Amino acid sequence: SEQETGKGKGKGFGKAKHRTKEKDVLTGITKPAIRRLARRGGVKRISSTIYPQTREVLKAFLDVVIRDSLIYTDHAQRKTVTSQDVVYALKRQGKTMYGFGI
């Protein structure tokens, strides 16, 4: 009898993949992306010190929204997060979002 290892359920004789170095998630929120959000909010000029602070604030906000969305998803016994879950999570924070079916 074969014991299952952590290599998947296949025959498992392939070469082991190298683990890629985990990069900082916040760097994915680029300077131009922050700039576009600021423009949408009516900001004309942006100080260079704003970008790291904005990334931290955005991460904190998204952590809460994603956590709440996952709670709604788990409660509905689903594995897929729907836009409805996100809308309810935002509404729970007092940030009502329109245009997504409620």
PDB file of N, CA and C in Angstrom:
ATOM      1  N   SER A   1       0.841  -1.183   0.000  1.00  0.00           N
ATOM      2  CA  SER A   1       0.000   0.000   0.000  1.00  0.00           C
ATOM      3  C   SER A   1       0.883   1.242   0.000  1.00  0.00           C
ATOM      4  N   GLU A   2       0.547   2.178  -0.913  1.00  0.00           N
ATOM      5  CA  GLU A   2       1.324   3.414  -1.049  1.00  0.00           C
ATOM      6  C   GLU A   2       0.826   4.452  -0.066  1.00  0.00           C
ATOM      7  N   GLN A   3       1.769   5.178   0.509  1.00  0.00           N
ATOM      8  CA  GLN A   3       1.384   6.288   1.368  1.00  0.00           C
ATOM      9  C   GLN A   3       1.353   7.546   0.533  1.00  0.00           C
ATOM     10  N   GLU A   4       0.328   8.377   0.751  1.00  0.00           N
ATOM     11  CA  GLU A   4       0.232   9.633   0.005  1.00  0.00           C
ATOM     12  C   GLU A   4       1.187  10.656   0.583  1.00  0.00           C
ATOM     13  N   THR A   5       1.987  11.238  -0.288  1.00  0.00           N
ATOM     14  CA  THR A   5       2.886  12.301   0.150  1.00  0.00           C
ATOM     15  C   THR A   5       2.282  13.632  -0.259  1.00  0.00           C
ATOM     16  N   GLY A   6       2.989  14.690  -0.018  1.00  0.00           N
ATOM     17  CA  GLY A   6       2.495  16.019  -0.358  1.00  0.00           C
ATOM     18  C   GLY A   6       2.733  16.398  -1.798  1.00  0.00           C
ATOM     19  N   LYS A   7       2.926  15.414  -2.677  1.00  0.00           N
ATOM     20  CA  LYS A   7       3.256  15.720  -4.071  1.00  0.00           C
ATOM     21  C   LYS A   7       2.076  15.562  -5.018  1.00  0.00           C
ATOM     22  N   GLY A   8       0.885  15.502  -4.514  1.00  0.00           N
ATOM     23  CA  GLY A   8      -0.277  15.374  -5.384  1.00  0.00           C
ATOM     24  C   GLY A   8      -0.712  13.930  -5.483  1.00  0.00           C
ATOM     25  N   LYS A   9      -1.717  13.683  -6.303  1.00  0.00           N
ATOM     26  CA  LYS A   9      -2.297  12.346  -6.376  1.00  0.00           C
ATOM     27  C   LYS A   9      -1.830  11.558  -7.597  1.00  0.00           C
ATOM     28  N   GLY A  10      -1.019  12.180  -8.458  1.00  0.00           N
ATOM     29  CA  GLY A  10      -0.546  11.493  -9.655  1.00  0.00           C
ATOM     30  C   GLY A  10       0.552  10.509  -9.310  1.00  0.00           C
ATOM     31  N   LYS A  11       1.245   9.994 -10.342  1.00  0.00           N
ATOM     32  CA  LYS A  11       2.329   9.044 -10.118  1.00  0.00           C
ATOM     33  C   LYS A  11       3.472   9.701  -9.351  1.00  0.00           C
ATOM     34  N   GLY A  12       3.671  11.000  -9.593  1.00  0.00           N
ATOM     35  CA  GLY A  12       4.595  11.764  -8.768  1.00  0.00           C
ATOM     36  C   GLY A  12       6.065  11.545  -9.023  1.00  0.00           C
ATOM     37  N   PHE A  13       6.449  11.175 -10.265  1.00  0.00           N
ATOM     38  CA  PHE A  13       7.867  10.973 -10.544  1.00  0.00           C
ATOM     39  C   PHE A  13       8.507  12.179 -11.217  1.00  0.00           C
ATOM     40  N   GLY A  14       7.732  13.254 -11.389  1.00  0.00           N
ATOM     41  CA  GLY A  14       8.263  14.454 -12.033  1.00  0.00           C
ATOM     42  C   GLY A  14       9.233  15.192 -11.133  1.00  0.00           C
ATOM     43  N   LYS A  15       9.962  16.091 -11.749  1.00  0.00           N
ATOM     44  CA  LYS A  15      10.939  16.886 -11.007  1.00  0.00           C
ATOM     45  C   LYS A  15      10.200  17.849 -10.073  1.00  0.00           C
ATOM     46  N   ALA A  16      10.725  17.999  -8.858  1.00  0.00           N
ATOM     47  CA  ALA A  16      10.117  18.923  -7.899  1.00  0.00           C
ATOM     48  C   ALA A  16      10.328  20.351  -8.367  1.00  0.00           C
ATOM     49  N   LYS A  17       9.304  21.187  -8.238  1.00  0.00           N
ATOM     50  CA  LYS A  17       9.406  22.577  -8.672  1.00  0.00           C
ATOM     51  C   LYS A  17      10.088  23.401  -7.599  1.00  0.00           C
ATOM     52  N   HIS A  18      10.840  24.387  -8.049  1.00  0.00           N
ATOM     53  CA  HIS A  18      11.457  25.314  -7.105  1.00  0.00           C
ATOM     54  C   HIS A  18      10.385  26.233  -6.554  1.00  0.00           C
ATOM     55  N   ARG A  19      10.488  26.539  -5.289  1.00  0.00           N
ATOM     56  CA  ARG A  19       9.563  27.506  -4.699  1.00  0.00           C
ATOM     57  C   ARG A  19      10.050  28.895  -5.045  1.00  0.00           C
ATOM     58  N   THR A  20       9.150  29.692  -5.590  1.00  0.00           N
ATOM     59  CA  THR A  20       9.527  31.060  -5.921  1.00  0.00           C
ATOM     60  C   THR A  20       9.527  31.897  -4.653  1.00  0.00           C
ATOM     61  N   LYS A  21      10.435  32.847  -4.609  1.00  0.00           N
ATOM     62  CA  LYS A  21      10.524  33.720  -3.443  1.00  0.00           C
ATOM     63  C   LYS A  21       9.256  34.555  -3.373  1.00  0.00           C
ATOM     64  N   GLU A  22       8.642  34.572  -2.197  1.00  0.00           N
ATOM     65  CA  GLU A  22       7.389  35.299  -2.041  1.00  0.00           C
ATOM     66  C   GLU A  22       7.653  36.798  -2.075  1.00  0.00           C
ATOM     67  N   LYS A  23       7.010  37.494  -3.025  1.00  0.00           N
ATOM     68  CA  LYS A  23       7.220  38.939  -3.109  1.00  0.00           C
ATOM     69  C   LYS A  23       6.165  39.666  -2.289  1.00  0.00           C
ATOM     70  N   ASP A  24       6.482  40.874  -1.936  1.00  0.00           N
ATOM     71  CA  ASP A  24       5.569  41.676  -1.136  1.00  0.00           C
ATOM     72  C   ASP A  24       4.314  41.976  -1.949  1.00  0.00           C
ATOM     73  N   VAL A  25       3.168  41.648  -1.405  1.00  0.00           N
ATOM     74  CA  VAL A  25       1.894  41.823  -2.106  1.00  0.00           C
ATOM     75  C   VAL A  25       1.624  43.299  -2.384  1.00  0.00           C
ATOM     76  N   LEU A  26       2.067  44.153  -1.486  1.00  0.00           N
ATOM     77  CA  LEU A  26       1.784  45.580  -1.623  1.00  0.00           C
ATOM     78  C   LEU A  26       2.445  46.186  -2.854  1.00  0.00           C
ATOM     79  N   THR A  27       3.531  45.585  -3.345  1.00  0.00           N
ATOM     80  CA  THR A  27       4.179  46.134  -4.539  1.00  0.00           C
ATOM     81  C   THR A  27       3.321  45.928  -5.784  1.00  0.00           C
ATOM     82  N   GLY A  28       2.340  45.038  -5.702  1.00  0.00           N
ATOM     83  CA  GLY A  28       1.416  44.829  -6.813  1.00  0.00           C
ATOM     84  C   GLY A  28       0.487  46.014  -7.016  1.00  0.00           C
ATOM     85  N   ILE A  29       0.330  46.817  -5.972  1.00  0.00           N
ATOM     86  CA  ILE A  29      -0.461  48.041  -6.086  1.00  0.00           C
ATOM     87  C   ILE A  29       0.508  49.123  -6.562  1.00  0.00           C
ATOM     88  N   THR A  30       0.520  49.336  -7.860  1.00  0.00           N
ATOM     89  CA  THR A  30       1.549  50.177  -8.473  1.00  0.00           C
ATOM     90  C   THR A  30       1.288  51.662  -8.270  1.00  0.00           C
ATOM     91  N   LYS A  31       2.336  52.427  -8.501  1.00  0.00           N
ATOM     92  CA  LYS A  31       2.250  53.881  -8.389  1.00  0.00           C
ATOM     93  C   LYS A  31       1.193  54.442  -9.353  1.00  0.00           C
ATOM     94  N   PRO A  32       1.184  54.002 -10.619  1.00  0.00           N
ATOM     95  CA  PRO A  32       0.143  54.501 -11.531  1.00  0.00           C
ATOM     96  C   PRO A  32      -1.278  54.132 -11.086  1.00  0.00           C
ATOM     97  N   ALA A  33      -1.442  52.963 -10.465  1.00  0.00           N
ATOM     98  CA  ALA A  33      -2.770  52.552  -9.994  1.00  0.00           C
ATOM     99  C   ALA A  33      -3.250  53.490  -8.883  1.00  0.00           C
ATOM    100  N   ILE A  34      -2.348  53.818  -7.964  1.00  0.00           N
ATOM    101  CA  ILE A  34      -2.689  54.752  -6.885  1.00  0.00           C
ATOM    102  C   ILE A  34      -3.002  56.120  -7.475  1.00  0.00           C
ATOM    103  N   ARG A  35      -2.214  56.501  -8.471  1.00  0.00           N
ATOM    104  CA  ARG A  35      -2.406  57.786  -9.150  1.00  0.00           C
ATOM    105  C   ARG A  35      -3.796  57.863  -9.791  1.00  0.00           C
ATOM    106  N   ARG A  36      -4.215  56.774 -10.452  1.00  0.00           N
ATOM    107  CA  ARG A  36      -5.538  56.737 -11.097  1.00  0.00           C
ATOM    108  C   ARG A  36      -6.653  56.868 -10.066  1.00  0.00           C
ATOM    109  N   LEU A  37      -6.503  56.158  -8.932  1.00  0.00           N
ATOM    110  CA  LEU A  37      -7.509  56.267  -7.867  1.00  0.00           C
ATOM    111  C   LEU A  37      -7.597  57.696  -7.342  1.00  0.00           C
ATOM    112  N   ALA A  38      -6.434  58.328  -7.177  1.00  0.00           N
ATOM    113  CA  ALA A  38      -6.408  59.712  -6.687  1.00  0.00           C
ATOM    114  C   ALA A  38      -7.062  60.654  -7.697  1.00  0.00           C
ATOM    115  N   ARG A  39      -6.785  60.446  -8.972  1.00  0.00           N
ATOM    116  CA  ARG A  39      -7.389  61.273 -10.025  1.00  0.00           C
ATOM    117  C   ARG A  39      -8.910  61.145  -9.990  1.00  0.00           C
ATOM    118  N   ARG A  40      -9.382  59.919  -9.810  1.00  0.00           N
ATOM    119  CA  ARG A  40     -10.827  59.695  -9.743  1.00  0.00           C
ATOM    120  C   ARG A  40     -11.430  60.434  -8.552  1.00  0.00           C
ATOM    121  N   GLY A  41     -10.639  60.556  -7.482  1.00  0.00           N
ATOM    122  CA  GLY A  41     -11.091  61.277  -6.297  1.00  0.00           C
ATOM    123  C   GLY A  41     -10.897  62.778  -6.392  1.00  0.00           C
ATOM    124  N   GLY A  42     -10.353  63.261  -7.513  1.00  0.00           N
ATOM    125  CA  GLY A  42     -10.209  64.693  -7.726  1.00  0.00           C
ATOM    126  C   GLY A  42      -8.882  65.284  -7.286  1.00  0.00           C
ATOM    127  N   VAL A  43      -7.875  64.433  -7.044  1.00  0.00           N
ATOM    128  CA  VAL A  43      -6.565  64.919  -6.607  1.00  0.00           C
ATOM    129  C   VAL A  43      -5.743  65.328  -7.822  1.00  0.00           C
ATOM    130  N   LYS A  44      -5.108  66.498  -7.745  1.00  0.00           N
ATOM    131  CA  LYS A  44      -4.345  67.023  -8.870  1.00  0.00           C
ATOM    132  C   LYS A  44      -2.866  66.642  -8.793  1.00  0.00           C
ATOM    133  N   ARG A  45      -2.244  66.856  -7.625  1.00  0.00           N
ATOM    134  CA  ARG A  45      -0.825  66.534  -7.451  1.00  0.00           C
ATOM    135  C   ARG A  45      -0.662  65.603  -6.255  1.00  0.00           C
ATOM    136  N   ILE A  46       0.336  64.702  -6.353  1.00  0.00           N
ATOM    137  CA  ILE A  46       0.527  63.692  -5.318  1.00  0.00           C
ATOM    138  C   ILE A  46       1.980  63.700  -4.848  1.00  0.00           C
ATOM    139  N   SER A  47       2.180  63.785  -3.536  1.00  0.00           N
ATOM    140  CA  SER A  47       3.518  63.724  -2.952  1.00  0.00           C
ATOM    141  C   SER A  47       4.046  62.293  -3.035  1.00  0.00           C
ATOM    142  N   SER A  48       5.349  62.136  -3.181  1.00  0.00           N
ATOM    143  CA  SER A  48       5.940  60.800  -3.313  1.00  0.00           C
ATOM    144  C   SER A  48       5.813  59.983  -2.025  1.00  0.00           C
ATOM    145  N   THR A  49       5.644  60.650  -0.889  1.00  0.00           N
ATOM    146  CA  THR A  49       5.516  59.919   0.385  1.00  0.00           C
ATOM    147  C   THR A  49       4.138  59.285   0.558  1.00  0.00           C
ATOM    148  N   ILE A  50       3.212  59.639  -0.303  1.00  0.00           N
ATOM    149  CA  ILE A  50       1.837  59.138  -0.205  1.00  0.00           C
ATOM    150  C   ILE A  50       1.733  57.667  -0.606  1.00  0.00           C
ATOM    151  N   TYR A  51       2.540  57.235  -1.568  1.00  0.00           N
ATOM    152  CA  TYR A  51       2.377  55.893  -2.135  1.00  0.00           C
ATOM    153  C   TYR A  51       2.493  54.768  -1.106  1.00  0.00           C
ATOM    154  N   PRO A  52       3.549  54.713  -0.273  1.00  0.00           N
ATOM    155  CA  PRO A  52       3.617  53.626   0.720  1.00  0.00           C
ATOM    156  C   PRO A  52       2.473  53.685   1.739  1.00  0.00           C
ATOM    157  N   GLN A  53       2.095  54.894   2.139  1.00  0.00           N
ATOM    158  CA  GLN A  53       0.990  55.043   3.095  1.00  0.00           C
ATOM    159  C   GLN A  53      -0.318  54.555   2.486  1.00  0.00           C
ATOM    160  N   THR A  54      -0.537  54.903   1.223  1.00  0.00           N
ATOM    161  CA  THR A  54      -1.760  54.487   0.528  1.00  0.00           C
ATOM    162  C   THR A  54      -1.823  52.971   0.426  1.00  0.00           C
ATOM    163  N   ARG A  55      -0.685  52.344   0.131  1.00  0.00           N
ATOM    164  CA  ARG A  55      -0.647  50.882   0.046  1.00  0.00           C
ATOM    165  C   ARG A  55      -1.048  50.248   1.369  1.00  0.00           C
ATOM    166  N   GLU A  56      -0.543  50.784   2.479  1.00  0.00           N
ATOM    167  CA  GLU A  56      -0.866  50.240   3.804  1.00  0.00           C
ATOM    168  C   GLU A  56      -2.356  50.396   4.116  1.00  0.00           C
ATOM    169  N   VAL A  57      -2.903  51.573   3.832  1.00  0.00           N
ATOM    170  CA  VAL A  57      -4.328  51.832   4.100  1.00  0.00           C
ATOM    171  C   VAL A  57      -5.201  50.925   3.239  1.00  0.00           C
ATOM    172  N   LEU A  58      -4.842  50.788   1.958  1.00  0.00           N
ATOM    173  CA  LEU A  58      -5.605  49.944   1.044  1.00  0.00           C
ATOM    174  C   LEU A  58      -5.562  48.485   1.483  1.00  0.00           C
ATOM    175  N   LYS A  59      -4.396  48.027   1.935  1.00  0.00           N
ATOM    176  CA  LYS A  59      -4.266  46.652   2.407  1.00  0.00           C
ATOM    177  C   LYS A  59      -5.157  46.419   3.628  1.00  0.00           C
ATOM    178  N   ALA A  60      -5.151  47.354   4.569  1.00  0.00           N
ATOM    179  CA  ALA A  60      -5.982  47.216   5.772  1.00  0.00           C
ATOM    180  C   ALA A  60      -7.464  47.164   5.403  1.00  0.00           C
ATOM    181  N   PHE A  61      -7.878  48.038   4.473  1.00  0.00           N
ATOM    182  CA  PHE A  61      -9.272  48.079   4.032  1.00  0.00           C
ATOM    183  C   PHE A  61      -9.661  46.765   3.353  1.00  0.00           C
ATOM    184  N   LEU A  62      -8.806  46.298   2.437  1.00  0.00           N
ATOM    185  CA  LEU A  62      -9.107  45.068   1.699  1.00  0.00           C
ATOM    186  C   LEU A  62      -9.101  43.844   2.610  1.00  0.00           C
ATOM    187  N   ASP A  63      -8.214  43.824   3.610  1.00  0.00           N
ATOM    188  CA  ASP A  63      -8.197  42.705   4.559  1.00  0.00           C
ATOM    189  C   ASP A  63      -9.560  42.536   5.219  1.00  0.00           C
ATOM    190  N   VAL A  64     -10.139  43.641   5.659  1.00  0.00           N
ATOM    191  CA  VAL A  64     -11.438  43.592   6.342  1.00  0.00           C
ATOM    192  C   VAL A  64     -12.543  43.178   5.369  1.00  0.00           C
ATOM    193  N   VAL A  65     -12.555  43.778   4.178  1.00  0.00           N
ATOM    194  CA  VAL A  65     -13.606  43.468   3.194  1.00  0.00           C
ATOM    195  C   VAL A  65     -13.518  42.008   2.759  1.00  0.00           C
ATOM    196  N   ILE A  66     -12.310  41.528   2.494  1.00  0.00           N
ATOM    197  CA  ILE A  66     -12.141  40.142   2.047  1.00  0.00           C
ATOM    198  C   ILE A  66     -12.518  39.169   3.163  1.00  0.00           C
ATOM    199  N   ARG A  67     -12.099  39.469   4.398  1.00  0.00           N
ATOM    200  CA  ARG A  67     -12.444  38.603   5.532  1.00  0.00           C
ATOM    201  C   ARG A  67     -13.966  38.504   5.682  1.00  0.00           C
ATOM    202  N   ASP A  68     -14.652  39.650   5.638  1.00  0.00           N
ATOM    203  CA  ASP A  68     -16.112  39.647   5.771  1.00  0.00           C
ATOM    204  C   ASP A  68     -16.776  38.930   4.595  1.00  0.00           C
ATOM    205  N   SER A  69     -16.238  39.123   3.387  1.00  0.00           N
ATOM    206  CA  SER A  69     -16.785  38.446   2.203  1.00  0.00           C
ATOM    207  C   SER A  69     -16.666  36.937   2.357  1.00  0.00           C
ATOM    208  N   LEU A  70     -15.530  36.477   2.874  1.00  0.00           N
ATOM    209  CA  LEU A  70     -15.329  35.038   3.067  1.00  0.00           C
ATOM    210  C   LEU A  70     -16.272  34.479   4.130  1.00  0.00           C
ATOM    211  N   ILE A  71     -16.586  35.278   5.127  1.00  0.00           N
ATOM    212  CA  ILE A  71     -17.541  34.835   6.148  1.00  0.00           C
ATOM    213  C   ILE A  71     -18.911  34.607   5.508  1.00  0.00           C
ATOM    214  N   TYR A  72     -19.346  35.532   4.649  1.00  0.00           N
ATOM    215  CA  TYR A  72     -20.626  35.361   3.938  1.00  0.00           C
ATOM    216  C   TYR A  72     -20.583  34.133   3.031  1.00  0.00           C
ATOM    217  N   THR A  73     -19.461  33.943   2.346  1.00  0.00           N
ATOM    218  CA  THR A  73     -19.317  32.796   1.442  1.00  0.00           C
ATOM    219  C   THR A  73     -19.367  31.487   2.221  1.00  0.00           C
ATOM    220  N   ASP A  74     -18.627  31.406   3.326  1.00  0.00           N
ATOM    221  CA  ASP A  74     -18.621  30.191   4.149  1.00  0.00           C
ATOM    222  C   ASP A  74     -20.009  29.889   4.702  1.00  0.00           C
ATOM    223  N   HIS A  75     -20.699  30.918   5.140  1.00  0.00           N
ATOM    224  CA  HIS A  75     -22.030  30.717   5.711  1.00  0.00           C
ATOM    225  C   HIS A  75     -23.000  30.147   4.673  1.00  0.00           C
ATOM    226  N   ALA A  76     -22.830  30.560   3.422  1.00  0.00           N
ATOM    227  CA  ALA A  76     -23.693  30.058   2.349  1.00  0.00           C
ATOM    228  C   ALA A  76     -23.216  28.696   1.837  1.00  0.00           C
ATOM    229  N   GLN A  77     -22.166  28.153   2.455  1.00  0.00           N
ATOM    230  CA  GLN A  77     -21.586  26.852   2.091  1.00  0.00           C
ATOM    231  C   GLN A  77     -21.163  26.812   0.630  1.00  0.00           C
ATOM    232  N   ARG A  78     -20.510  27.891   0.200  1.00  0.00           N
ATOM    233  CA  ARG A  78     -19.969  27.974  -1.155  1.00  0.00           C
ATOM    234  C   ARG A  78     -18.464  28.109  -1.089  1.00  0.00           C
ATOM    235  N   LYS A  79     -17.807  27.824  -2.212  1.00  0.00           N
ATOM    236  CA  LYS A  79     -16.362  28.018  -2.302  1.00  0.00           C
ATOM    237  C   LYS A  79     -16.026  29.244  -3.140  1.00  0.00           C
ATOM    238  N   THR A  80     -17.008  29.750  -3.861  1.00  0.00           N
ATOM    239  CA  THR A  80     -16.791  30.897  -4.734  1.00  0.00           C
ATOM    240  C   THR A  80     -17.374  32.154  -4.109  1.00  0.00           C
ATOM    241  N   VAL A  81     -16.541  33.179  -4.009  1.00  0.00           N
ATOM    242  CA  VAL A  81     -17.010  34.465  -3.486  1.00  0.00           C
ATOM    243  C   VAL A  81     -17.760  35.177  -4.603  1.00  0.00           C
ATOM    244  N   THR A  82     -18.985  35.593  -4.336  1.00  0.00           N
ATOM    245  CA  THR A  82     -19.779  36.299  -5.342  1.00  0.00           C
ATOM    246  C   THR A  82     -19.707  37.803  -5.099  1.00  0.00           C
ATOM    247  N   SER A  83     -20.110  38.561  -6.107  1.00  0.00           N
ATOM    248  CA  SER A  83     -20.137  40.018  -5.950  1.00  0.00           C
ATOM    249  C   SER A  83     -21.111  40.404  -4.838  1.00  0.00           C
ATOM    250  N   GLN A  84     -22.141  39.605  -4.658  1.00  0.00           N
ATOM    251  CA  GLN A  84     -23.125  39.844  -3.596  1.00  0.00           C
ATOM    252  C   GLN A  84     -22.466  39.776  -2.219  1.00  0.00           C
ATOM    253  N   ASP A  85     -21.553  38.821  -2.034  1.00  0.00           N
ATOM    254  CA  ASP A  85     -20.831  38.694  -0.762  1.00  0.00           C
ATOM    255  C   ASP A  85     -20.028  39.955  -0.473  1.00  0.00           C
ATOM    256  N   VAL A  86     -19.393  40.488  -1.509  1.00  0.00           N
ATOM    257  CA  VAL A  86     -18.580  41.698  -1.353  1.00  0.00           C
ATOM    258  C   VAL A  86     -19.473  42.895  -1.041  1.00  0.00           C
ATOM    259  N   VAL A  87     -20.611  42.984  -1.724  1.00  0.00           N
ATOM    260  CA  VAL A  87     -21.549  44.086  -1.485  1.00  0.00           C
ATOM    261  C   VAL A  87     -22.042  44.050  -0.036  1.00  0.00           C
ATOM    262  N   TYR A  88     -22.379  42.854   0.463  1.00  0.00           N
ATOM    263  CA  TYR A  88     -22.830  42.731   1.852  1.00  0.00           C
ATOM    264  C   TYR A  88     -21.714  43.084   2.829  1.00  0.00           C
ATOM    265  N   ALA A  89     -20.486  42.678   2.509  1.00  0.00           N
ATOM    266  CA  ALA A  89     -19.342  42.991   3.376  1.00  0.00           C
ATOM    267  C   ALA A  89     -19.119  44.500   3.447  1.00  0.00           C
ATOM    268  N   LEU A  90     -19.254  45.173   2.304  1.00  0.00           N
ATOM    269  CA  LEU A  90     -19.096  46.630   2.280  1.00  0.00           C
ATOM    270  C   LEU A  90     -20.231  47.308   3.038  1.00  0.00           C
ATOM    271  N   LYS A  91     -21.446  46.783   2.865  1.00  0.00           N
ATOM    272  CA  LYS A  91     -22.604  47.362   3.559  1.00  0.00           C
ATOM    273  C   LYS A  91     -22.430  47.226   5.070  1.00  0.00           C
ATOM    274  N   ARG A  92     -21.835  46.120   5.496  1.00  0.00           N
ATOM    275  CA  ARG A  92     -21.585  45.892   6.917  1.00  0.00           C
ATOM    276  C   ARG A  92     -20.644  46.955   7.490  1.00  0.00           C
ATOM    277  N   GLN A  93     -19.761  47.476   6.655  1.00  0.00           N
ATOM    278  CA  GLN A  93     -18.831  48.532   7.076  1.00  0.00           C
ATOM    279  C   GLN A  93     -19.427  49.925   6.926  1.00  0.00           C
ATOM    280  N   GLY A  94     -20.664  49.982   6.433  1.00  0.00           N
ATOM    281  CA  GLY A  94     -21.302  51.282   6.248  1.00  0.00           C
ATOM    282  C   GLY A  94     -20.957  51.929   4.925  1.00  0.00           C
ATOM    283  N   LYS A  95     -20.467  51.144   3.978  1.00  0.00           N
ATOM    284  CA  LYS A  95     -20.116  51.653   2.651  1.00  0.00           C
ATOM    285  C   LYS A  95     -21.010  50.962   1.618  1.00  0.00           C
ATOM    286  N   THR A  96     -22.235  51.439   1.504  1.00  0.00           N
ATOM    287  CA  THR A  96     -23.196  50.823   0.596  1.00  0.00           C
ATOM    288  C   THR A  96     -22.759  51.015  -0.845  1.00  0.00           C
ATOM    289  N   MET A  97     -22.817  49.920  -1.619  1.00  0.00           N
ATOM    290  CA  MET A  97     -22.410  49.959  -3.018  1.00  0.00           C
ATOM    291  C   MET A  97     -23.621  49.620  -3.880  1.00  0.00           C
ATOM    292  N   TYR A  98     -23.881  50.438  -4.863  1.00  0.00           N
ATOM    293  CA  TYR A  98     -25.034  50.233  -5.731  1.00  0.00           C
ATOM    294  C   TYR A  98     -24.595  49.660  -7.070  1.00  0.00           C
ATOM    295  N   GLY A  99     -25.535  49.007  -7.755  1.00  0.00           N
ATOM    296  CA  GLY A  99     -25.272  48.534  -9.106  1.00  0.00           C
ATOM    297  C   GLY A  99     -24.848  47.089  -9.202  1.00  0.00           C
ATOM    298  N   PHE A 100     -24.959  46.326  -8.098  1.00  0.00           N
ATOM    299  CA  PHE A 100     -24.570  44.922  -8.156  1.00  0.00           C
ATOM    300  C   PHE A 100     -25.702  44.003  -7.718  1.00  0.00           C
ATOM    301  N   GLY A 101     -26.937  44.381  -8.021  1.00  0.00           N
ATOM    302  CA  GLY A 101     -28.055  43.469  -7.839  1.00  0.00           C
ATOM    303  C   GLY A 101     -28.811  43.535  -6.526  1.00  0.00           C
ATOM    304  N   ILE A 102     -28.504  44.485  -5.662  1.00  0.00           N
ATOM    305  CA  ILE A 102     -29.295  44.577  -4.418  1.00  0.00           C
ATOM    306  C   ILE A 102     -30.367  45.618  -4.611  1.00  0.00           C
TER     307      ILE A 102
END
